[in-house]
């Protein structure tokens, strides 16, 4: 007899939404804290906290997009060999379906700074749930807590 996920229904209503591919990272410092960024005023979901990253451009590999986004948003450099894929989020928003691979990175060069007006916070895994996040990011918190 089916139960659990079977009873939750079918996500076919999201089938006609365009898929948007974004990439995110959990930068983890030597103390085991994770860097999160607050979405600045003027952007959708302003004030919510998220894992750094951004949109993957056409023809761009996800890890290359992440390396580019980290340089643009935070002023830090890393390499493909320092990025480890951990999990992904799949979430239907009202106008698009978000697909977001989450990488883990423990090695980078530079000191992260909010280059786009975003506030940054280094947070222990157990405290991530204290920060309001976009719906797609929320399931990633449990995965990170389990991983770390």
Protein backbone atom coordinates (compact mmCIF):
# COMPACT_ATOMS: atom_id res chain seq x y z
CA UNK A 1 0.00 0.00 0.00
CA UNK A 2 1.58 3.35 -1.06
CA UNK A 3 2.17 5.94 1.62
CA UNK A 4 4.32 8.96 2.43
CA UNK A 5 5.62 10.55 -0.75
CA UNK A 6 2.99 8.81 -2.89
CA UNK A 7 0.18 10.47 -0.94
CA UNK A 8 1.85 13.90 -1.25
CA UNK A 9 0.58 14.22 -4.79
CA UNK A 10 2.05 14.92 -8.17
CA UNK A 11 3.96 18.06 -9.15
CA UNK A 12 2.58 18.03 -12.70
CA UNK A 13 1.22 21.58 -12.24
CA UNK A 14 4.84 22.77 -12.35
CA UNK A 15 5.52 20.92 -15.60
CA UNK A 16 4.92 23.96 -17.81
CA UNK A 17 7.25 26.29 -15.92
CA UNK A 18 10.62 27.23 -17.44
CA UNK A 19 13.55 25.66 -15.60
CA UNK A 20 16.16 28.08 -14.24
CA UNK A 21 19.56 26.62 -13.35
CA UNK A 22 21.42 28.35 -10.56
CA UNK A 23 24.38 27.13 -8.55
CA UNK A 24 25.18 27.64 -4.87
CA UNK A 25 27.99 26.88 -2.45
CA UNK A 26 28.46 26.27 1.23
CA UNK A 27 31.81 27.94 1.97
CA UNK A 28 32.99 26.27 5.18
CA UNK A 29 35.71 27.93 7.25
CA UNK A 30 38.29 26.28 9.52
CA UNK A 31 35.86 26.57 12.47
CA UNK A 32 33.13 24.65 10.61
CA UNK A 33 30.97 27.73 10.02
CA UNK A 34 29.08 28.28 6.76
CA UNK A 35 28.91 31.58 4.91
CA UNK A 36 25.45 32.89 4.03
CA UNK A 37 24.49 36.14 2.34
CA UNK A 38 21.44 38.34 2.81
CA UNK A 39 19.62 39.31 -0.38
CA UNK A 40 19.87 43.11 -0.70
CA UNK A 41 16.98 45.54 -1.09
CA UNK A 42 15.73 45.82 -4.66
CA UNK A 43 16.14 42.10 -5.44
CA UNK A 44 13.38 39.53 -5.26
CA UNK A 45 13.15 37.94 -1.81
CA UNK A 46 15.13 40.85 -0.32
CA UNK A 47 16.13 40.31 3.29
CA UNK A 48 16.22 36.51 3.07
CA UNK A 49 19.50 34.67 3.63
CA UNK A 50 20.94 32.31 1.02
CA UNK A 51 24.00 30.35 0.06
CA UNK A 52 26.26 32.34 -2.29
CA UNK A 53 26.04 31.62 -6.01
CA UNK A 54 23.99 32.62 -9.00
CA UNK A 55 22.64 31.85 -12.44
CA UNK A 56 24.43 29.53 -14.81
CA UNK A 57 24.82 31.27 -18.17
CA UNK A 58 24.08 29.49 -21.43
CA UNK A 59 26.97 27.20 -22.40
CA UNK A 60 28.57 27.56 -18.95
CA UNK A 61 29.31 24.57 -16.72
CA UNK A 62 27.83 24.78 -13.20
CA UNK A 63 31.21 24.68 -11.45
CA UNK A 64 32.60 27.36 -13.80
CA UNK A 65 29.54 29.52 -13.04
CA UNK A 66 30.13 29.10 -9.33
CA UNK A 67 33.78 30.10 -9.60
CA UNK A 68 32.75 33.19 -11.59
CA UNK A 69 29.94 34.10 -9.16
CA UNK A 70 32.23 33.78 -6.12
CA UNK A 71 34.67 36.21 -7.72
CA UNK A 72 31.93 38.67 -8.73
CA UNK A 73 29.85 38.54 -5.53
CA UNK A 74 32.42 37.89 -2.82
CA UNK A 75 35.86 38.64 -4.31
CA UNK A 76 37.22 35.16 -3.59
CA UNK A 77 38.92 32.69 -5.90
CA UNK A 78 38.65 28.92 -5.88
CA UNK A 79 39.20 26.07 -8.33
CA UNK A 80 37.07 23.28 -9.71
CA UNK A 81 39.13 20.75 -7.73
CA UNK A 82 38.12 22.55 -4.49
CA UNK A 83 34.38 22.23 -5.19
CA UNK A 84 32.58 19.07 -4.08
CA UNK A 85 28.94 18.58 -5.17
CA UNK A 86 26.80 17.71 -2.15
CA UNK A 87 23.12 17.82 -3.11
CA UNK A 88 20.62 19.89 -5.07
CA UNK A 89 17.36 21.75 -4.60
CA UNK A 90 14.40 21.54 -6.96
CA UNK A 91 11.63 24.02 -6.23
CA UNK A 92 8.66 25.36 -8.21
CA UNK A 93 8.22 29.09 -7.71
CA UNK A 94 5.24 30.89 -9.22
CA UNK A 95 6.89 31.75 -12.57
CA UNK A 96 9.77 29.27 -12.89
CA UNK A 97 11.15 26.01 -11.57
CA UNK A 98 14.51 26.38 -9.85
CA UNK A 99 17.14 23.66 -10.09
CA UNK A 100 20.09 24.42 -7.81
CA UNK A 101 23.14 22.19 -7.29
CA UNK A 102 24.84 22.86 -3.94
CA UNK A 103 28.59 22.48 -3.69
CA UNK A 104 30.80 22.45 -0.60
CA UNK A 105 34.08 24.39 -0.61
CA UNK A 106 36.66 24.52 2.17
CA UNK A 107 39.56 26.08 0.23
CA UNK A 108 39.56 29.50 -1.43
CA UNK A 109 41.77 32.57 -1.67
CA UNK A 110 40.70 35.96 -0.38
CA UNK A 111 38.40 37.24 2.33
CA UNK A 112 34.71 37.12 1.39
CA UNK A 113 33.17 40.58 1.12
CA UNK A 114 29.67 41.53 -0.03
CA UNK A 115 30.49 43.23 -3.32
CA UNK A 116 26.83 43.69 -4.29
CA UNK A 117 25.62 45.31 -1.07
CA UNK A 118 24.71 42.02 0.61
CA UNK A 119 25.40 41.37 4.28
CA UNK A 120 27.39 38.24 5.09
CA UNK A 121 27.29 35.99 8.13
CA UNK A 122 29.39 33.00 9.22
CA UNK A 123 26.94 30.61 10.85
CA UNK A 124 27.31 27.31 12.66
CA UNK A 125 25.29 24.53 10.98
CA UNK A 126 22.95 24.19 13.96
CA UNK A 127 22.03 27.89 13.69
CA UNK A 128 21.26 27.97 9.94
CA UNK A 129 17.57 27.42 10.65
CA UNK A 130 17.50 30.70 12.60
CA UNK A 131 17.91 32.68 9.36
CA UNK A 132 14.90 33.12 7.06
CA UNK A 133 15.74 31.66 3.64
CA UNK A 134 14.08 31.33 0.23
CA UNK A 135 11.98 28.14 -0.01
CA UNK A 136 14.50 26.42 -2.30
CA UNK A 137 17.34 26.88 0.21
CA UNK A 138 15.47 25.52 3.25
CA UNK A 139 15.88 21.77 2.47
CA UNK A 140 19.61 22.31 1.93
CA UNK A 141 20.02 23.28 5.59
CA UNK A 142 19.13 19.79 6.82
CA UNK A 143 21.49 18.21 4.30
CA UNK A 144 24.35 20.42 5.47
CA UNK A 145 23.65 19.72 9.13
CA UNK A 146 23.68 15.98 8.43
CA UNK A 147 26.86 16.28 6.35
CA UNK A 148 28.75 18.36 8.88
